[in-house]
Protein backbone atom coordinates (compact mmCIF):
# COMPACT_ATOMS: atom_id res chain seq x y z
CA UNK A 1 -7.53 -74.95 140.43
CA UNK A 2 -8.46 -72.74 137.49
CA UNK A 3 -10.22 -69.42 137.12
CA UNK A 4 -13.48 -70.32 135.39
CA UNK A 5 -15.66 -67.18 135.66
CA UNK A 6 -15.34 -63.45 136.03
CA UNK A 7 -18.77 -62.02 136.89
CA UNK A 8 -19.47 -58.30 136.68
CA UNK A 9 -22.41 -56.98 138.68
CA UNK A 10 -24.34 -54.54 136.51
CA UNK A 11 -27.48 -52.38 136.40
CA UNK A 12 -28.77 -53.81 133.11
CA UNK A 13 -27.56 -57.23 131.94
CA UNK A 14 -28.85 -56.85 128.36
CA UNK A 15 -27.20 -53.42 128.02
CA UNK A 16 -23.90 -54.94 129.18
CA UNK A 17 -24.20 -57.83 126.72
CA UNK A 18 -24.91 -55.42 123.88
CA UNK A 19 -22.04 -53.13 124.86
CA UNK A 20 -19.41 -55.91 125.05
CA UNK A 21 -20.63 -57.39 121.77
CA UNK A 22 -20.53 -54.04 119.96
CA UNK A 23 -17.35 -52.76 121.62
CA UNK A 24 -15.23 -55.92 121.52
CA UNK A 25 -17.02 -58.39 119.23
CA UNK A 26 -17.63 -60.81 122.12
CA UNK A 27 -20.62 -63.01 121.31
CA UNK A 28 -23.31 -63.88 123.86
CA UNK A 29 -23.39 -67.50 125.02
CA UNK A 30 -26.44 -67.44 127.28
CA UNK A 31 -29.05 -65.06 128.68
CA UNK A 32 -31.21 -66.32 131.53
CA UNK A 33 -34.92 -66.09 130.75
CA UNK A 34 -35.36 -63.62 133.63
CA UNK A 35 -32.78 -61.31 132.04
CA UNK A 36 -30.77 -61.03 135.26
CA UNK A 37 -27.76 -63.19 134.28
CA UNK A 38 -25.78 -63.70 131.07
CA UNK A 39 -22.56 -65.30 129.84
CA UNK A 40 -20.34 -64.32 126.93
CA UNK A 41 -18.06 -66.43 124.69
CA UNK A 42 -14.63 -65.46 126.01
CA UNK A 43 -12.53 -68.61 125.85
CA UNK A 44 -11.39 -70.60 128.87
CA UNK A 45 -12.59 -68.04 131.42
CA UNK A 46 -16.23 -67.01 131.08
CA UNK A 47 -17.16 -63.35 131.31
CA UNK A 48 -20.63 -63.11 132.86
CA UNK A 49 -23.00 -60.35 133.94
CA UNK A 50 -25.31 -60.51 136.94
CA UNK A 51 -27.94 -57.90 137.82
CA UNK A 52 -27.31 -56.09 141.12
CA UNK A 53 -30.61 -57.27 142.56
CA UNK A 54 -29.77 -60.95 141.95
CA UNK A 55 -26.19 -60.48 143.15
CA UNK A 56 -27.37 -59.01 146.45
CA UNK A 57 -29.68 -62.00 146.93
CA UNK A 58 -26.76 -64.37 146.34
CA UNK A 59 -24.27 -62.46 148.51
CA UNK A 60 -26.96 -61.70 151.10
CA UNK A 61 -25.71 -58.21 151.81
CA UNK A 62 -25.25 -54.90 150.00
CA UNK A 63 -21.94 -54.19 148.26
CA UNK A 64 -20.22 -51.24 146.58
CA UNK A 65 -21.46 -50.89 142.99
CA UNK A 66 -19.06 -49.82 140.27
CA UNK A 67 -19.84 -46.29 139.11
CA UNK A 68 -18.57 -44.38 136.05
CA UNK A 69 -17.29 -41.55 138.28
CA UNK A 70 -15.58 -43.87 140.77
CA UNK A 71 -14.49 -47.28 139.49
CA UNK A 72 -14.00 -50.14 141.91
CA UNK A 73 -10.50 -51.48 142.52
CA UNK A 74 -10.52 -54.27 139.93
CA UNK A 75 -10.39 -54.69 136.19
CA UNK A 76 -10.79 -57.24 133.46
CA UNK A 77 -8.12 -57.54 130.78
CA UNK A 78 -8.87 -58.37 127.17
CA UNK A 79 -6.15 -59.27 124.66
CA UNK A 80 -7.15 -57.99 121.21
CA UNK A 81 -5.24 -58.51 117.97
CA UNK A 82 -4.76 -54.73 117.86
CA UNK A 83 -5.05 -52.55 120.96
CA UNK A 84 -5.53 -49.40 118.86
CA UNK A 85 -8.35 -50.90 116.74
CA UNK A 86 -10.09 -52.42 119.77
CA UNK A 87 -9.74 -49.13 121.64
CA UNK A 88 -11.31 -47.16 118.78
CA UNK A 89 -14.21 -49.64 118.43
CA UNK A 90 -14.87 -49.58 122.18
CA UNK A 91 -14.90 -45.79 122.31
CA UNK A 92 -17.29 -45.70 119.33
CA UNK A 93 -19.54 -48.14 121.25
CA UNK A 94 -19.64 -45.84 124.28
CA UNK A 95 -16.66 -46.81 126.43
CA UNK A 96 -15.13 -44.07 128.58
CA UNK A 97 -11.43 -43.42 128.03
CA UNK A 98 -9.23 -43.70 131.13
CA UNK A 99 -5.82 -44.15 129.43
CA UNK A 100 -5.02 -43.92 125.72
CA UNK A 101 -3.04 -46.77 124.12
CA UNK A 102 0.64 -46.60 124.97
CA UNK A 103 3.64 -48.91 125.02
CA UNK A 104 4.71 -49.80 128.55
CA UNK A 105 8.29 -50.57 129.70
CA UNK A 106 7.34 -54.26 130.06
CA UNK A 107 6.80 -54.45 126.25
CA UNK A 108 3.00 -54.39 126.21
CA UNK A 109 0.72 -51.93 124.47
CA UNK A 110 -1.99 -51.04 126.99
CA UNK A 111 -5.15 -48.92 127.10
CA UNK A 112 -7.71 -48.53 129.90
CA UNK A 113 -11.44 -47.97 129.38
CA UNK A 114 -14.62 -48.09 131.44
CA UNK A 115 -17.85 -49.81 130.49
CA UNK A 116 -21.24 -48.11 131.02
CA UNK A 117 -21.41 -49.45 134.61
CA UNK A 118 -17.95 -48.13 135.46
CA UNK A 119 -16.02 -51.41 135.36
CA UNK A 120 -12.41 -50.95 134.26
CA UNK A 121 -11.31 -52.76 131.10
CA UNK A 122 -7.67 -53.08 130.16
CA UNK A 123 -6.75 -53.80 126.56
CA UNK A 124 -3.27 -55.33 126.54
CA UNK A 125 -1.11 -56.97 123.90
CA UNK A 126 2.49 -58.10 124.18
CA UNK A 127 4.62 -56.60 121.43
CA UNK A 128 6.99 -58.60 119.27
CA UNK A 129 10.46 -58.88 120.75
CA UNK A 130 13.30 -57.48 118.82
C-alpha cells in the first residue's frame, strides 16, 4: 500500500492553490470546473484541496475545520532545497510563523508555518553528515 493523496479541507480552493504556488513554487495540476477541488504537482503523493462544503457531503457529517488560531493535530511536511529560503518565501506569501528555522538534534533543519486556513506546514531538510 502507498500513500497517494493528502487532501486539505479549505474555505477557498483557489486561494489555497494560489498560496501554495506563491509560497512554495508548487504548480497546480488540476482544478475542478466547479472550483471545489484541486490537485497540485507534488511528486509521488498528491497534495489536494477540497472545499469544506464538498468535504462534508463526502464525509456525510460535520468535522472540525482547521483555524489559524487553533490548528488541527496534523501537518504536511515539505522538503525544500533550503529551509531558510522556503521559509522566507512562504512568510512573504502570507504564511503564519509557528517556529523559526532551527537545527534539531536528529540532524534536520526544521521550520513550522501555517497556511491561510490554519493547516500546519513543516519545512524539513536533512543536513549533510559530518
